[in-house]
Amino acid sequence: MTAIRVFSEEDFERLMVIKQMKPLGFSLDEMTEILTLLAGPEGAAPEQSEVLAGFLDRAVHQRAKMARNLAQADEFIERLSRLP
């Protein structure tokens, strides 16, 4: 028997954000903090904006690192494919 889970729209949105954060290396505590900040009212307080900006900078840096690693993997695959 297969279990079926029913998610609310809000739960589904949170799950999608978590799936986006995971590969960027955020800890569970950081994910909780980010989700809390994102769920807050628009126009976050200045200190919250600074925290979000820090998370954004880190996400951009981690994504760039992942892109470099992917490019290196592509180059290696290309090198292997040229072997006899």
PDB file of N, CA and C in Angstrom:
ATOM      1  N   MET A   1       0.832  -1.166   0.000  1.00  0.00           N
ATOM      2  CA  MET A   1       0.000   0.000   0.000  1.00  0.00           C
ATOM      3  C   MET A   1       0.889   1.246   0.000  1.00  0.00           C
ATOM      4  N   THR A   2       0.604   2.167  -0.879  1.00  0.00           N
ATOM      5  CA  THR A   2       1.377   3.388  -1.010  1.00  0.00           C
ATOM      6  C   THR A   2       0.744   4.493  -0.170  1.00  0.00           C
ATOM      7  N   ALA A   3       1.575   5.157   0.624  1.00  0.00           N
ATOM      8  CA  ALA A   3       1.085   6.280   1.422  1.00  0.00           C
ATOM      9  C   ALA A   3       1.082   7.530   0.555  1.00  0.00           C
ATOM     10  N   ILE A   4       0.030   8.272   0.662  1.00  0.00           N
ATOM     11  CA  ILE A   4      -0.089   9.518  -0.091  1.00  0.00           C
ATOM     12  C   ILE A   4      -0.104  10.671   0.896  1.00  0.00           C
ATOM     13  N   ARG A   5       0.757  11.640   0.632  1.00  0.00           N
ATOM     14  CA  ARG A   5       0.808  12.829   1.489  1.00  0.00           C
ATOM     15  C   ARG A   5       0.113  13.973   0.784  1.00  0.00           C
ATOM     16  N   VAL A   6      -0.639  14.702   1.545  1.00  0.00           N
ATOM     17  CA  VAL A   6      -1.318  15.876   1.008  1.00  0.00           C
ATOM     18  C   VAL A   6      -0.686  17.097   1.663  1.00  0.00           C
ATOM     19  N   PHE A   7      -0.171  17.986   0.820  1.00  0.00           N
ATOM     20  CA  PHE A   7       0.477  19.198   1.312  1.00  0.00           C
ATOM     21  C   PHE A   7      -0.389  20.402   0.998  1.00  0.00           C
ATOM     22  N   SER A   8      -0.387  21.362   1.899  1.00  0.00           N
ATOM     23  CA  SER A   8      -1.020  22.637   1.602  1.00  0.00           C
ATOM     24  C   SER A   8      -0.134  23.389   0.616  1.00  0.00           C
ATOM     25  N   GLU A   9      -0.666  24.407   0.013  1.00  0.00           N
ATOM     26  CA  GLU A   9       0.124  25.242  -0.912  1.00  0.00           C
ATOM     27  C   GLU A   9       1.341  25.814  -0.192  1.00  0.00           C
ATOM     28  N   GLU A  10       1.150  26.255   1.039  1.00  0.00           N
ATOM     29  CA  GLU A  10       2.248  26.831   1.829  1.00  0.00           C
ATOM     30  C   GLU A  10       3.306  25.774   2.140  1.00  0.00           C
ATOM     31  N   ASP A  11       2.881  24.571   2.518  1.00  0.00           N
ATOM     32  CA  ASP A  11       3.825  23.484   2.790  1.00  0.00           C
ATOM     33  C   ASP A  11       4.617  23.125   1.535  1.00  0.00           C
ATOM     34  N   PHE A  12       3.930  23.066   0.408  1.00  0.00           N
ATOM     35  CA  PHE A  12       4.582  22.735  -0.850  1.00  0.00           C
ATOM     36  C   PHE A  12       5.628  23.793  -1.199  1.00  0.00           C
ATOM     37  N   GLU A  13       5.281  25.057  -1.019  1.00  0.00           N
ATOM     38  CA  GLU A  13       6.221  26.151  -1.313  1.00  0.00           C
ATOM     39  C   GLU A  13       7.450  26.052  -0.413  1.00  0.00           C
ATOM     40  N   ARG A  14       7.249  25.769   0.873  1.00  0.00           N
ATOM     41  CA  ARG A  14       8.380  25.610   1.799  1.00  0.00           C
ATOM     42  C   ARG A  14       9.261  24.442   1.367  1.00  0.00           C
ATOM     43  N   LEU A  15       8.659  23.348   0.960  1.00  0.00           N
ATOM     44  CA  LEU A  15       9.408  22.187   0.502  1.00  0.00           C
ATOM     45  C   LEU A  15      10.256  22.540  -0.723  1.00  0.00           C
ATOM     46  N   MET A  16       9.708  23.299  -1.645  1.00  0.00           N
ATOM     47  CA  MET A  16      10.456  23.692  -2.842  1.00  0.00           C
ATOM     48  C   MET A  16      11.643  24.578  -2.466  1.00  0.00           C
ATOM     49  N   VAL A  17      11.450  25.478  -1.509  1.00  0.00           N
ATOM     50  CA  VAL A  17      12.555  26.341  -1.064  1.00  0.00           C
ATOM     51  C   VAL A  17      13.639  25.495  -0.411  1.00  0.00           C
ATOM     52  N   ILE A  18      13.247  24.517   0.401  1.00  0.00           N
ATOM     53  CA  ILE A  18      14.219  23.629   1.046  1.00  0.00           C
ATOM     54  C   ILE A  18      15.011  22.862  -0.010  1.00  0.00           C
ATOM     55  N   LYS A  19      14.320  22.359  -1.032  1.00  0.00           N
ATOM     56  CA  LYS A  19      15.012  21.632  -2.109  1.00  0.00           C
ATOM     57  C   LYS A  19      15.995  22.538  -2.838  1.00  0.00           C
ATOM     58  N   GLN A  20      15.695  23.825  -2.926  1.00  0.00           N
ATOM     59  CA  GLN A  20      16.610  24.765  -3.576  1.00  0.00           C
ATOM     60  C   GLN A  20      17.811  25.079  -2.692  1.00  0.00           C
ATOM     61  N   MET A  21      17.604  25.099  -1.371  1.00  0.00           N
ATOM     62  CA  MET A  21      18.684  25.440  -0.447  1.00  0.00           C
ATOM     63  C   MET A  21      19.663  24.292  -0.230  1.00  0.00           C
ATOM     64  N   LYS A  22      19.159  23.057  -0.233  1.00  0.00           N
ATOM     65  CA  LYS A  22      19.995  21.903   0.109  1.00  0.00           C
ATOM     66  C   LYS A  22      21.292  21.826  -0.681  1.00  0.00           C
ATOM     67  N   PRO A  23      21.256  21.892  -2.022  1.00  0.00           N
ATOM     68  CA  PRO A  23      22.522  21.754  -2.748  1.00  0.00           C
ATOM     69  C   PRO A  23      23.493  22.912  -2.527  1.00  0.00           C
ATOM     70  N   LEU A  24      23.007  24.000  -1.948  1.00  0.00           N
ATOM     71  CA  LEU A  24      23.873  25.155  -1.707  1.00  0.00           C
ATOM     72  C   LEU A  24      24.603  25.050  -0.365  1.00  0.00           C
ATOM     73  N   GLY A  25      24.335  23.974   0.374  1.00  0.00           N
ATOM     74  CA  GLY A  25      25.102  23.707   1.583  1.00  0.00           C
ATOM     75  C   GLY A  25      24.647  24.415   2.837  1.00  0.00           C
ATOM     76  N   PHE A  26      23.435  24.931   2.856  1.00  0.00           N
ATOM     77  CA  PHE A  26      22.943  25.585   4.067  1.00  0.00           C
ATOM     78  C   PHE A  26      22.640  24.527   5.131  1.00  0.00           C
ATOM     79  N   SER A  27      22.953  24.842   6.375  1.00  0.00           N
ATOM     80  CA  SER A  27      22.672  23.932   7.487  1.00  0.00           C
ATOM     81  C   SER A  27      21.169  23.961   7.786  1.00  0.00           C
ATOM     82  N   LEU A  28      20.710  22.998   8.578  1.00  0.00           N
ATOM     83  CA  LEU A  28      19.295  22.967   8.961  1.00  0.00           C
ATOM     84  C   LEU A  28      18.905  24.230   9.723  1.00  0.00           C
ATOM     85  N   ASP A  29      19.792  24.690  10.607  1.00  0.00           N
ATOM     86  CA  ASP A  29      19.505  25.920  11.354  1.00  0.00           C
ATOM     87  C   ASP A  29      19.392  27.118  10.414  1.00  0.00           C
ATOM     88  N   GLU A  30      20.290  27.182   9.443  1.00  0.00           N
ATOM     89  CA  GLU A  30      20.241  28.281   8.474  1.00  0.00           C
ATOM     90  C   GLU A  30      18.971  28.208   7.629  1.00  0.00           C
ATOM     91  N   MET A  31      18.609  26.985   7.223  1.00  0.00           N
ATOM     92  CA  MET A  31      17.379  26.820   6.440  1.00  0.00           C
ATOM     93  C   MET A  31      16.173  27.288   7.237  1.00  0.00           C
ATOM     94  N   THR A  32      16.137  26.935   8.518  1.00  0.00           N
ATOM     95  CA  THR A  32      15.039  27.374   9.384  1.00  0.00           C
ATOM     96  C   THR A  32      14.993  28.894   9.453  1.00  0.00           C
ATOM     97  N   GLU A  33      16.151  29.510   9.616  1.00  0.00           N
ATOM     98  CA  GLU A  33      16.222  30.976   9.695  1.00  0.00           C
ATOM     99  C   GLU A  33      15.765  31.613   8.383  1.00  0.00           C
ATOM    100  N   ILE A  34      16.222  31.075   7.273  1.00  0.00           N
ATOM    101  CA  ILE A  34      15.837  31.613   5.969  1.00  0.00           C
ATOM    102  C   ILE A  34      14.326  31.476   5.758  1.00  0.00           C
ATOM    103  N   LEU A  35      13.786  30.303   6.063  1.00  0.00           N
ATOM    104  CA  LEU A  35      12.340  30.094   5.900  1.00  0.00           C
ATOM    105  C   LEU A  35      11.544  31.060   6.775  1.00  0.00           C
ATOM    106  N   THR A  36      12.029  31.300   7.996  1.00  0.00           N
ATOM    107  CA  THR A  36      11.361  32.245   8.895  1.00  0.00           C
ATOM    108  C   THR A  36      11.397  33.651   8.312  1.00  0.00           C
ATOM    109  N   LEU A  37      12.562  34.048   7.797  1.00  0.00           N
ATOM    110  CA  LEU A  37      12.687  35.382   7.209  1.00  0.00           C
ATOM    111  C   LEU A  37      11.812  35.525   5.961  1.00  0.00           C
ATOM    112  N   LEU A  38      11.775  34.485   5.140  1.00  0.00           N
ATOM    113  CA  LEU A  38      10.972  34.540   3.918  1.00  0.00           C
ATOM    114  C   LEU A  38       9.484  34.568   4.213  1.00  0.00           C
ATOM    115  N   ALA A  39       9.069  33.965   5.329  1.00  0.00           N
ATOM    116  CA  ALA A  39       7.657  33.909   5.688  1.00  0.00           C
ATOM    117  C   ALA A  39       7.173  35.197   6.342  1.00  0.00           C
ATOM    118  N   GLY A  40       8.127  36.048   6.728  1.00  0.00           N
ATOM    119  CA  GLY A  40       7.758  37.284   7.400  1.00  0.00           C
ATOM    120  C   GLY A  40       7.100  38.270   6.457  1.00  0.00           C
ATOM    121  N   PRO A  41       6.617  39.371   7.009  1.00  0.00           N
ATOM    122  CA  PRO A  41       5.974  40.375   6.173  1.00  0.00           C
ATOM    123  C   PRO A  41       6.958  41.003   5.199  1.00  0.00           C
ATOM    124  N   GLU A  42       6.434  41.444   4.073  1.00  0.00           N
ATOM    125  CA  GLU A  42       7.282  42.121   3.084  1.00  0.00           C
ATOM    126  C   GLU A  42       7.840  43.387   3.733  1.00  0.00           C
ATOM    127  N   GLY A  43       8.979  43.840   3.231  1.00  0.00           N
ATOM    128  CA  GLY A  43       9.597  45.024   3.812  1.00  0.00           C
ATOM    129  C   GLY A  43      10.267  44.692   5.132  1.00  0.00           C
ATOM    130  N   ALA A  44      11.155  43.710   5.115  1.00  0.00           N
ATOM    131  CA  ALA A  44      11.824  43.249   6.321  1.00  0.00           C
ATOM    132  C   ALA A  44      12.587  44.388   6.987  1.00  0.00           C
ATOM    133  N   ALA A  45      12.772  44.249   8.275  1.00  0.00           N
ATOM    134  CA  ALA A  45      13.551  45.216   9.040  1.00  0.00           C
ATOM    135  C   ALA A  45      14.975  45.236   8.499  1.00  0.00           C
ATOM    136  N   PRO A  46      15.678  46.354   8.686  1.00  0.00           N
ATOM    137  CA  PRO A  46      17.041  46.468   8.138  1.00  0.00           C
ATOM    138  C   PRO A  46      17.957  45.319   8.534  1.00  0.00           C
ATOM    139  N   GLU A  47      17.898  44.886   9.798  1.00  0.00           N
ATOM    140  CA  GLU A  47      18.784  43.789  10.222  1.00  0.00           C
ATOM    141  C   GLU A  47      18.406  42.480   9.526  1.00  0.00           C
ATOM    142  N   GLN A  48      17.118  42.287   9.254  1.00  0.00           N
ATOM    143  CA  GLN A  48      16.694  41.095   8.521  1.00  0.00           C
ATOM    144  C   GLN A  48      17.154  41.168   7.066  1.00  0.00           C
ATOM    145  N   SER A  49      17.096  42.357   6.494  1.00  0.00           N
ATOM    146  CA  SER A  49      17.564  42.540   5.121  1.00  0.00           C
ATOM    147  C   SER A  49      19.050  42.231   5.012  1.00  0.00           C
ATOM    148  N   GLU A  50      19.814  42.622   6.030  1.00  0.00           N
ATOM    149  CA  GLU A  50      21.250  42.347   6.037  1.00  0.00           C
ATOM    150  C   GLU A  50      21.513  40.846   6.132  1.00  0.00           C
ATOM    151  N   VAL A  51      20.741  40.159   6.953  1.00  0.00           N
ATOM    152  CA  VAL A  51      20.896  38.700   7.087  1.00  0.00           C
ATOM    153  C   VAL A  51      20.558  38.032   5.764  1.00  0.00           C
ATOM    154  N   LEU A  52      19.450  38.438   5.140  1.00  0.00           N
ATOM    155  CA  LEU A  52      19.070  37.869   3.844  1.00  0.00           C
ATOM    156  C   LEU A  52      20.128  38.165   2.790  1.00  0.00           C
ATOM    157  N   ALA A  53      20.700  39.357   2.814  1.00  0.00           N
ATOM    158  CA  ALA A  53      21.754  39.712   1.860  1.00  0.00           C
ATOM    159  C   ALA A  53      22.968  38.808   2.048  1.00  0.00           C
ATOM    160  N   GLY A  54      23.283  38.472   3.294  1.00  0.00           N
ATOM    161  CA  GLY A  54      24.390  37.559   3.561  1.00  0.00           C
ATOM    162  C   GLY A  54      24.118  36.168   3.002  1.00  0.00           C
ATOM    163  N   PHE A  55      22.886  35.696   3.199  1.00  0.00           N
ATOM    164  CA  PHE A  55      22.519  34.393   2.640  1.00  0.00           C
ATOM    165  C   PHE A  55      22.553  34.430   1.116  1.00  0.00           C
ATOM    166  N   LEU A  56      22.104  35.527   0.536  1.00  0.00           N
ATOM    167  CA  LEU A  56      22.130  35.674  -0.924  1.00  0.00           C
ATOM    168  C   LEU A  56      23.561  35.631  -1.440  1.00  0.00           C
ATOM    169  N   ASP A  57      24.462  36.378  -0.804  1.00  0.00           N
ATOM    170  CA  ASP A  57      25.870  36.375  -1.217  1.00  0.00           C
ATOM    171  C   ASP A  57      26.448  34.965  -1.159  1.00  0.00           C
ATOM    172  N   ARG A  58      26.129  34.263  -0.088  1.00  0.00           N
ATOM    173  CA  ARG A  58      26.645  32.906   0.058  1.00  0.00           C
ATOM    174  C   ARG A  58      26.080  31.972  -1.001  1.00  0.00           C
ATOM    175  N   ALA A  59      24.791  32.112  -1.316  1.00  0.00           N
ATOM    176  CA  ALA A  59      24.158  31.275  -2.338  1.00  0.00           C
ATOM    177  C   ALA A  59      24.787  31.548  -3.703  1.00  0.00           C
ATOM    178  N   VAL A  60      25.022  32.819  -4.020  1.00  0.00           N
ATOM    179  CA  VAL A  60      25.638  33.174  -5.298  1.00  0.00           C
ATOM    180  C   VAL A  60      27.052  32.592  -5.385  1.00  0.00           C
ATOM    181  N   HIS A  61      27.811  32.710  -4.308  1.00  0.00           N
ATOM    182  CA  HIS A  61      29.178  32.175  -4.283  1.00  0.00           C
ATOM    183  C   HIS A  61      29.160  30.657  -4.456  1.00  0.00           C
ATOM    184  N   GLN A  62      28.276  29.976  -3.724  1.00  0.00           N
ATOM    185  CA  GLN A  62      28.216  28.513  -3.802  1.00  0.00           C
ATOM    186  C   GLN A  62      27.781  28.058  -5.187  1.00  0.00           C
ATOM    187  N   ARG A  63      26.844  28.772  -5.801  1.00  0.00           N
ATOM    188  CA  ARG A  63      26.375  28.425  -7.143  1.00  0.00           C
ATOM    189  C   ARG A  63      27.509  28.563  -8.151  1.00  0.00           C
ATOM    190  N   ALA A  64      28.314  29.627  -8.017  1.00  0.00           N
ATOM    191  CA  ALA A  64      29.450  29.834  -8.913  1.00  0.00           C
ATOM    192  C   ALA A  64      30.464  28.697  -8.750  1.00  0.00           C
ATOM    193  N   LYS A  65      30.684  28.281  -7.511  1.00  0.00           N
ATOM    194  CA  LYS A  65      31.597  27.165  -7.248  1.00  0.00           C
ATOM    195  C   LYS A  65      31.068  25.886  -7.894  1.00  0.00           C
ATOM    196  N   MET A  66      29.768  25.648  -7.772  1.00  0.00           N
ATOM    197  CA  MET A  66      29.162  24.460  -8.375  1.00  0.00           C
ATOM    198  C   MET A  66      29.278  24.512  -9.900  1.00  0.00           C
ATOM    199  N   ALA A  67      29.114  25.693 -10.486  1.00  0.00           N
ATOM    200  CA  ALA A  67      29.224  25.838 -11.939  1.00  0.00           C
ATOM    201  C   ALA A  67      30.650  25.535 -12.403  1.00  0.00           C
ATOM    202  N   ARG A  68      31.648  25.991 -11.631  1.00  0.00           N
ATOM    203  CA  ARG A  68      33.047  25.684 -11.968  1.00  0.00           C
ATOM    204  C   ARG A  68      33.299  24.183 -11.898  1.00  0.00           C
ATOM    205  N   ASN A  69      32.784  23.547 -10.854  1.00  0.00           N
ATOM    206  CA  ASN A  69      32.952  22.094 -10.714  1.00  0.00           C
ATOM    207  C   ASN A  69      32.278  21.348 -11.860  1.00  0.00           C
ATOM    208  N   LEU A  70      31.112  21.804 -12.260  1.00  0.00           N
ATOM    209  CA  LEU A  70      30.399  21.175 -13.367  1.00  0.00           C
ATOM    210  C   LEU A  70      31.176  21.347 -14.673  1.00  0.00           C
ATOM    211  N   ALA A  71      31.741  22.522 -14.881  1.00  0.00           N
ATOM    212  CA  ALA A  71      32.541  22.762 -16.086  1.00  0.00           C
ATOM    213  C   ALA A  71      33.760  21.841 -16.104  1.00  0.00           C
ATOM    214  N   GLN A  72      34.399  21.660 -14.955  1.00  0.00           N
ATOM    215  CA  GLN A  72      35.547  20.754 -14.883  1.00  0.00           C
ATOM    216  C   GLN A  72      35.120  19.318 -15.183  1.00  0.00           C
ATOM    217  N   ALA A  73      33.974  18.913 -14.671  1.00  0.00           N
ATOM    218  CA  ALA A  73      33.468  17.567 -14.945  1.00  0.00           C
ATOM    219  C   ALA A  73      33.184  17.406 -16.432  1.00  0.00           C
ATOM    220  N   ASP A  74      32.606  18.437 -17.058  1.00  0.00           N
ATOM    221  CA  ASP A  74      32.344  18.386 -18.500  1.00  0.00           C
ATOM    222  C   ASP A  74      33.638  18.239 -19.293  1.00  0.00           C
ATOM    223  N   GLU A  75      34.673  18.969 -18.892  1.00  0.00           N
ATOM    224  CA  GLU A  75      35.966  18.870 -19.573  1.00  0.00           C
ATOM    225  C   GLU A  75      36.540  17.466 -19.427  1.00  0.00           C
ATOM    226  N   PHE A  76      36.420  16.878 -18.252  1.00  0.00           N
ATOM    227  CA  PHE A  76      36.930  15.532 -18.028  1.00  0.00           C
ATOM    228  C   PHE A  76      36.161  14.519 -18.866  1.00  0.00           C
ATOM    229  N   ILE A  77      34.856  14.656 -18.915  1.00  0.00           N
ATOM    230  CA  ILE A  77      34.030  13.752 -19.732  1.00  0.00           C
ATOM    231  C   ILE A  77      34.414  13.879 -21.198  1.00  0.00           C
ATOM    232  N   GLU A  78      34.640  15.085 -21.648  1.00  0.00           N
ATOM    233  CA  GLU A  78      35.059  15.311 -23.030  1.00  0.00           C
ATOM    234  C   GLU A  78      36.406  14.643 -23.294  1.00  0.00           C
ATOM    235  N   ARG A  79      37.340  14.768 -22.357  1.00  0.00           N
ATOM    236  CA  ARG A  79      38.660  14.152 -22.503  1.00  0.00           C
ATOM    237  C   ARG A  79      38.527  12.623 -22.595  1.00  0.00           C
ATOM    238  N   LEU A  80      37.707  12.054 -21.720  1.00  0.00           N
ATOM    239  CA  LEU A  80      37.507  10.604 -21.754  1.00  0.00           C
ATOM    240  C   LEU A  80      36.844  10.148 -23.059  1.00  0.00           C
ATOM    241  N   SER A  81      35.950  10.955 -23.577  1.00  0.00           N
ATOM    242  CA  SER A  81      35.236  10.550 -24.794  1.00  0.00           C
ATOM    243  C   SER A  81      36.142  10.583 -26.021  1.00  0.00           C
ATOM    244  N   ARG A  82      37.269  11.284 -25.947  1.00  0.00           N
ATOM    245  CA  ARG A  82      38.215  11.347 -27.067  1.00  0.00           C
ATOM    246  C   ARG A  82      39.188  10.178 -27.071  1.00  0.00           C
ATOM    247  N   LEU A  83      39.221   9.390 -26.004  1.00  0.00           N
ATOM    248  CA  LEU A  83      40.131   8.248 -25.939  1.00  0.00           C
ATOM    249  C   LEU A  83      39.683   7.161 -26.919  1.00  0.00           C
ATOM    250  N   PRO A  84      40.686   6.444 -27.439  1.00  0.00           N
ATOM    251  CA  PRO A  84      40.343   5.379 -28.414  1.00  0.00           C
ATOM    252  C   PRO A  84      39.555   4.233 -27.779  1.00  0.00           C
TER     253      PRO A  84
END
